[in-house]
N, C-alpha and C. Protein backbone atom coordinates (compact mmCIF):
# COMPACT_ATOMS: atom_id res chain seq x y z
N MET A 1 -11.39 -14.39 33.52
CA MET A 1 -11.48 -15.24 32.34
C MET A 1 -10.54 -14.69 31.28
N SER A 2 -9.68 -15.53 30.77
CA SER A 2 -8.67 -15.12 29.81
C SER A 2 -8.99 -15.71 28.43
N PHE A 3 -8.91 -14.86 27.44
CA PHE A 3 -9.15 -15.30 26.06
C PHE A 3 -7.81 -15.47 25.36
N SER A 4 -7.66 -16.58 24.69
CA SER A 4 -6.43 -16.81 23.95
C SER A 4 -6.49 -16.06 22.62
N PRO A 5 -5.33 -15.74 22.05
CA PRO A 5 -5.33 -15.08 20.74
C PRO A 5 -5.99 -15.91 19.65
N GLU A 6 -5.88 -17.24 19.76
CA GLU A 6 -6.51 -18.10 18.77
C GLU A 6 -8.03 -17.99 18.84
N LEU A 7 -8.56 -17.91 20.05
CA LEU A 7 -10.01 -17.78 20.21
C LEU A 7 -10.49 -16.44 19.66
N LEU A 8 -9.77 -15.37 19.95
CA LEU A 8 -10.16 -14.05 19.47
C LEU A 8 -10.07 -13.95 17.95
N SER A 9 -9.01 -14.49 17.36
CA SER A 9 -8.90 -14.44 15.90
C SER A 9 -9.95 -15.33 15.24
N GLY A 10 -10.25 -16.45 15.85
CA GLY A 10 -11.31 -17.32 15.32
C GLY A 10 -12.67 -16.65 15.40
N LEU A 11 -12.94 -15.94 16.48
CA LEU A 11 -14.19 -15.21 16.62
C LEU A 11 -14.29 -14.08 15.59
N ALA A 12 -13.19 -13.37 15.38
CA ALA A 12 -13.18 -12.30 14.37
C ALA A 12 -13.41 -12.88 12.98
N ALA A 13 -12.78 -14.01 12.67
CA ALA A 13 -12.98 -14.64 11.36
C ALA A 13 -14.42 -15.10 11.19
N PHE A 14 -15.00 -15.65 12.25
CA PHE A 14 -16.39 -16.09 12.18
C PHE A 14 -17.32 -14.91 11.94
N LEU A 15 -17.13 -13.82 12.67
CA LEU A 15 -17.99 -12.65 12.51
C LEU A 15 -17.85 -12.03 11.12
N LEU A 16 -16.62 -11.93 10.62
CA LEU A 16 -16.43 -11.38 9.28
C LEU A 16 -17.05 -12.28 8.21
N THR A 17 -17.00 -13.59 8.43
CA THR A 17 -17.65 -14.51 7.49
C THR A 17 -19.16 -14.30 7.49
N ILE A 18 -19.75 -14.14 8.67
CA ILE A 18 -21.18 -13.87 8.76
C ILE A 18 -21.52 -12.54 8.10
N PHE A 19 -20.66 -11.53 8.31
CA PHE A 19 -20.89 -10.22 7.69
C PHE A 19 -20.89 -10.33 6.17
N VAL A 20 -19.95 -11.09 5.62
CA VAL A 20 -19.89 -11.25 4.17
C VAL A 20 -21.09 -12.04 3.66
N LEU A 21 -21.49 -13.06 4.39
CA LEU A 21 -22.64 -13.86 3.97
C LEU A 21 -23.95 -13.08 4.10
N SER A 22 -23.96 -11.98 4.83
CA SER A 22 -25.18 -11.18 4.93
C SER A 22 -25.52 -10.54 3.60
N TYR A 23 -24.60 -10.57 2.64
CA TYR A 23 -24.88 -10.06 1.29
C TYR A 23 -25.96 -10.89 0.60
N LEU A 24 -26.11 -12.15 0.99
CA LEU A 24 -27.14 -13.00 0.39
C LEU A 24 -28.54 -12.48 0.70
N ILE A 25 -28.69 -11.81 1.82
CA ILE A 25 -29.98 -11.22 2.19
C ILE A 25 -30.22 -9.94 1.40
N GLY A 26 -29.17 -9.24 1.09
CA GLY A 26 -29.26 -7.97 0.38
C GLY A 26 -28.02 -7.16 0.73
N ASP A 27 -27.92 -5.97 0.15
CA ASP A 27 -26.76 -5.12 0.44
C ASP A 27 -26.91 -4.57 1.85
N GLN A 28 -26.23 -5.20 2.78
CA GLN A 28 -26.36 -4.87 4.19
C GLN A 28 -25.21 -3.98 4.66
N VAL A 29 -25.44 -3.29 5.75
CA VAL A 29 -24.40 -2.48 6.38
C VAL A 29 -23.26 -3.37 6.86
N LEU A 30 -23.60 -4.56 7.34
CA LEU A 30 -22.58 -5.48 7.83
C LEU A 30 -21.64 -5.91 6.70
N PHE A 31 -22.21 -6.16 5.51
CA PHE A 31 -21.39 -6.54 4.37
C PHE A 31 -20.44 -5.40 4.00
N ARG A 32 -20.95 -4.19 3.94
CA ARG A 32 -20.10 -3.05 3.59
C ARG A 32 -19.01 -2.85 4.64
N ALA A 33 -19.34 -3.06 5.91
CA ALA A 33 -18.32 -2.93 6.97
C ALA A 33 -17.22 -3.97 6.79
N ALA A 34 -17.61 -5.20 6.47
CA ALA A 34 -16.61 -6.26 6.25
C ALA A 34 -15.72 -5.93 5.07
N ILE A 35 -16.30 -5.42 4.00
CA ILE A 35 -15.51 -5.07 2.83
C ILE A 35 -14.53 -3.94 3.16
N TYR A 36 -14.99 -2.93 3.91
CA TYR A 36 -14.10 -1.84 4.30
C TYR A 36 -12.96 -2.35 5.18
N ILE A 37 -13.26 -3.29 6.06
CA ILE A 37 -12.22 -3.86 6.92
C ILE A 37 -11.20 -4.61 6.08
N PHE A 38 -11.67 -5.43 5.14
CA PHE A 38 -10.75 -6.20 4.29
C PHE A 38 -9.89 -5.29 3.43
N VAL A 39 -10.49 -4.28 2.83
CA VAL A 39 -9.73 -3.37 1.98
C VAL A 39 -8.72 -2.58 2.80
N GLY A 40 -9.12 -2.11 3.98
CA GLY A 40 -8.20 -1.37 4.84
C GLY A 40 -7.05 -2.22 5.34
N ALA A 41 -7.35 -3.45 5.72
CA ALA A 41 -6.29 -4.33 6.20
C ALA A 41 -5.31 -4.69 5.09
N SER A 42 -5.83 -4.94 3.89
CA SER A 42 -4.92 -5.28 2.79
C SER A 42 -4.11 -4.07 2.35
N ALA A 43 -4.70 -2.88 2.36
CA ALA A 43 -3.93 -1.68 2.00
C ALA A 43 -2.84 -1.40 3.04
N GLY A 44 -3.16 -1.59 4.30
CA GLY A 44 -2.15 -1.42 5.34
C GLY A 44 -1.02 -2.43 5.23
N TYR A 45 -1.37 -3.67 4.91
CA TYR A 45 -0.36 -4.70 4.74
C TYR A 45 0.56 -4.40 3.56
N VAL A 46 -0.03 -3.99 2.44
CA VAL A 46 0.77 -3.67 1.25
C VAL A 46 1.68 -2.48 1.52
N ALA A 47 1.16 -1.47 2.20
CA ALA A 47 1.99 -0.30 2.53
C ALA A 47 3.14 -0.69 3.45
N SER A 48 2.88 -1.55 4.42
CA SER A 48 3.94 -2.00 5.33
C SER A 48 5.01 -2.80 4.60
N VAL A 49 4.60 -3.71 3.73
CA VAL A 49 5.56 -4.50 2.98
C VAL A 49 6.38 -3.60 2.05
N ALA A 50 5.71 -2.66 1.38
CA ALA A 50 6.43 -1.76 0.48
C ALA A 50 7.45 -0.93 1.23
N TRP A 51 7.10 -0.47 2.43
CA TRP A 51 8.03 0.34 3.20
C TRP A 51 9.22 -0.50 3.68
N HIS A 52 8.95 -1.65 4.29
CA HIS A 52 10.00 -2.44 4.93
C HIS A 52 10.88 -3.22 3.95
N GLN A 53 10.36 -3.56 2.77
CA GLN A 53 11.14 -4.38 1.86
C GLN A 53 11.63 -3.64 0.62
N VAL A 54 11.06 -2.45 0.33
CA VAL A 54 11.47 -1.75 -0.88
C VAL A 54 11.99 -0.35 -0.56
N LEU A 55 11.13 0.49 -0.03
CA LEU A 55 11.49 1.90 0.12
C LEU A 55 12.62 2.13 1.12
N SER A 56 12.49 1.57 2.30
CA SER A 56 13.51 1.81 3.31
C SER A 56 14.87 1.21 2.95
N PRO A 57 14.95 -0.10 2.63
CA PRO A 57 16.29 -0.65 2.37
C PRO A 57 16.89 -0.28 1.02
N GLN A 58 16.06 -0.03 0.01
CA GLN A 58 16.61 0.19 -1.32
C GLN A 58 16.59 1.64 -1.77
N LEU A 59 15.95 2.53 -0.99
CA LEU A 59 15.92 3.93 -1.40
C LEU A 59 16.46 4.84 -0.31
N LEU A 60 15.92 4.75 0.89
CA LEU A 60 16.33 5.69 1.93
C LEU A 60 17.70 5.37 2.52
N ARG A 61 17.95 4.11 2.83
CA ARG A 61 19.25 3.77 3.42
C ARG A 61 20.41 4.09 2.48
N PRO A 62 20.33 3.76 1.18
CA PRO A 62 21.45 4.16 0.29
C PRO A 62 21.59 5.68 0.18
N LEU A 63 20.47 6.42 0.22
CA LEU A 63 20.57 7.88 0.14
C LEU A 63 21.22 8.47 1.37
N ILE A 64 20.96 7.88 2.53
CA ILE A 64 21.47 8.45 3.78
C ILE A 64 22.83 7.88 4.15
N PHE A 65 22.97 6.57 4.09
CA PHE A 65 24.19 5.92 4.60
C PHE A 65 25.08 5.35 3.50
N GLY A 66 24.68 5.44 2.26
CA GLY A 66 25.42 4.78 1.18
C GLY A 66 26.66 5.52 0.75
N ALA A 67 27.44 4.84 -0.05
CA ALA A 67 28.63 5.43 -0.66
C ALA A 67 28.18 6.48 -1.68
N PRO A 68 29.08 7.36 -2.08
CA PRO A 68 28.69 8.41 -3.04
C PRO A 68 28.12 7.86 -4.36
N ASN A 69 28.64 6.76 -4.85
CA ASN A 69 28.09 6.21 -6.10
C ASN A 69 26.68 5.65 -5.90
N GLU A 70 26.38 5.10 -4.71
CA GLU A 70 25.02 4.64 -4.41
C GLU A 70 24.06 5.81 -4.32
N LYS A 71 24.52 6.92 -3.75
CA LYS A 71 23.66 8.09 -3.64
C LYS A 71 23.29 8.64 -5.01
N VAL A 72 24.24 8.65 -5.92
CA VAL A 72 23.97 9.14 -7.28
C VAL A 72 22.96 8.24 -7.98
N ILE A 73 23.08 6.92 -7.78
CA ILE A 73 22.18 5.97 -8.44
C ILE A 73 20.76 6.10 -7.90
N THR A 74 20.61 6.36 -6.61
CA THR A 74 19.27 6.40 -6.02
C THR A 74 18.60 7.77 -6.11
N ILE A 75 19.27 8.77 -6.61
CA ILE A 75 18.63 10.09 -6.73
C ILE A 75 17.50 10.06 -7.76
N PHE A 76 17.70 9.38 -8.89
CA PHE A 76 16.67 9.33 -9.94
C PHE A 76 15.38 8.67 -9.45
N PRO A 77 15.41 7.50 -8.81
CA PRO A 77 14.16 6.94 -8.30
C PRO A 77 13.52 7.80 -7.21
N ALA A 78 14.34 8.43 -6.36
CA ALA A 78 13.78 9.31 -5.33
C ALA A 78 13.07 10.49 -5.96
N LEU A 79 13.64 11.04 -7.01
CA LEU A 79 13.01 12.15 -7.72
C LEU A 79 11.68 11.71 -8.34
N LEU A 80 11.65 10.52 -8.92
CA LEU A 80 10.41 10.01 -9.49
C LEU A 80 9.33 9.79 -8.43
N VAL A 81 9.74 9.35 -7.24
CA VAL A 81 8.78 9.16 -6.15
C VAL A 81 8.19 10.51 -5.73
N VAL A 82 9.04 11.52 -5.60
CA VAL A 82 8.55 12.84 -5.21
C VAL A 82 7.61 13.39 -6.29
N LEU A 83 7.98 13.22 -7.55
CA LEU A 83 7.11 13.69 -8.62
C LEU A 83 5.78 12.94 -8.63
N LEU A 84 5.80 11.65 -8.31
CA LEU A 84 4.58 10.87 -8.26
C LEU A 84 3.65 11.35 -7.14
N LEU A 85 4.22 11.81 -6.04
CA LEU A 85 3.41 12.34 -4.95
C LEU A 85 2.65 13.59 -5.36
N PHE A 86 3.16 14.32 -6.35
CA PHE A 86 2.47 15.52 -6.83
C PHE A 86 1.15 15.18 -7.52
N LYS A 87 0.96 13.93 -7.94
CA LYS A 87 -0.30 13.54 -8.58
C LYS A 87 -1.47 13.63 -7.61
N ALA A 88 -1.21 13.68 -6.32
CA ALA A 88 -2.28 13.77 -5.33
C ALA A 88 -2.87 15.17 -5.25
N PHE A 89 -2.18 16.16 -5.76
CA PHE A 89 -2.65 17.54 -5.71
C PHE A 89 -3.04 17.99 -7.11
N PRO A 90 -4.30 18.34 -7.32
CA PRO A 90 -4.76 18.68 -8.68
C PRO A 90 -3.97 19.82 -9.32
N SER A 91 -3.58 20.80 -8.55
CA SER A 91 -2.86 21.93 -9.15
C SER A 91 -1.43 21.56 -9.57
N LEU A 92 -0.86 20.52 -8.97
CA LEU A 92 0.50 20.11 -9.28
C LEU A 92 0.57 18.77 -10.01
N SER A 93 -0.58 18.24 -10.41
CA SER A 93 -0.59 16.88 -10.95
C SER A 93 0.18 16.74 -12.26
N LYS A 94 0.34 17.80 -13.00
CA LYS A 94 1.09 17.70 -14.26
C LYS A 94 2.57 17.41 -14.01
N LEU A 95 3.07 17.76 -12.83
CA LEU A 95 4.47 17.46 -12.52
C LEU A 95 4.71 15.96 -12.34
N GLY A 96 3.67 15.20 -12.01
CA GLY A 96 3.81 13.76 -11.81
C GLY A 96 3.70 12.95 -13.07
N THR A 97 3.44 13.60 -14.20
CA THR A 97 3.28 12.87 -15.46
C THR A 97 4.52 12.09 -15.87
N PRO A 98 5.75 12.62 -15.72
CA PRO A 98 6.92 11.79 -16.09
C PRO A 98 7.03 10.49 -15.30
N SER A 99 6.65 10.52 -14.03
CA SER A 99 6.69 9.29 -13.22
C SER A 99 5.69 8.27 -13.73
N VAL A 100 4.48 8.73 -14.04
CA VAL A 100 3.46 7.82 -14.55
C VAL A 100 3.88 7.27 -15.91
N ALA A 101 4.44 8.12 -16.75
CA ALA A 101 4.90 7.67 -18.07
C ALA A 101 6.00 6.62 -17.93
N PHE A 102 6.90 6.82 -16.99
CA PHE A 102 7.97 5.84 -16.75
C PHE A 102 7.39 4.52 -16.28
N MET A 103 6.42 4.57 -15.36
CA MET A 103 5.80 3.33 -14.85
C MET A 103 5.04 2.60 -15.96
N VAL A 104 4.33 3.34 -16.81
CA VAL A 104 3.61 2.72 -17.91
C VAL A 104 4.60 2.08 -18.90
N GLY A 105 5.69 2.79 -19.19
CA GLY A 105 6.69 2.24 -20.10
C GLY A 105 7.34 0.98 -19.56
N VAL A 106 7.68 0.98 -18.28
CA VAL A 106 8.29 -0.20 -17.68
C VAL A 106 7.28 -1.35 -17.64
N GLY A 107 6.01 -1.03 -17.31
CA GLY A 107 4.98 -2.06 -17.30
C GLY A 107 4.76 -2.66 -18.67
N ALA A 108 4.78 -1.83 -19.70
CA ALA A 108 4.61 -2.35 -21.06
C ALA A 108 5.80 -3.20 -21.48
N ALA A 109 6.98 -2.79 -21.04
CA ALA A 109 8.19 -3.55 -21.40
C ALA A 109 8.22 -4.90 -20.71
N VAL A 110 7.76 -4.93 -19.49
CA VAL A 110 7.75 -6.18 -18.74
C VAL A 110 6.72 -7.12 -19.33
C-alpha cells in the first residue's frame, strides 16, 4: 500500500489541527507539542531563507570570491555578525553591544 505525499501532508495537517483544538479542553500536552512543532518549523524556515538569500550570497561569496573592493565592503558586516554571536556567551556579551546598537539605530531610522 502506497501513500501519496498529498495524503501524508493532509493527515499531518489534520492531526496538528486536532492538537491545536485540544486547547479548548485545557492546556494539553498535544497542544504544547503542536506549538513546539510550529515554532521549530518556522524557525528552521527563517534560518534557511536567511542563509540562502542573505548570508551566503551577500556576505560569504563576496568575502571569498569577490573583487578586492567587494571584500573591503563586506568586512564591516561580517565583523558585526561575529560580534553579535558573542551575545550568546554571558562572559563575552559586552562585545556584542555595538552590533545591537547598530541594529537598533537602523531599526529606528527605518
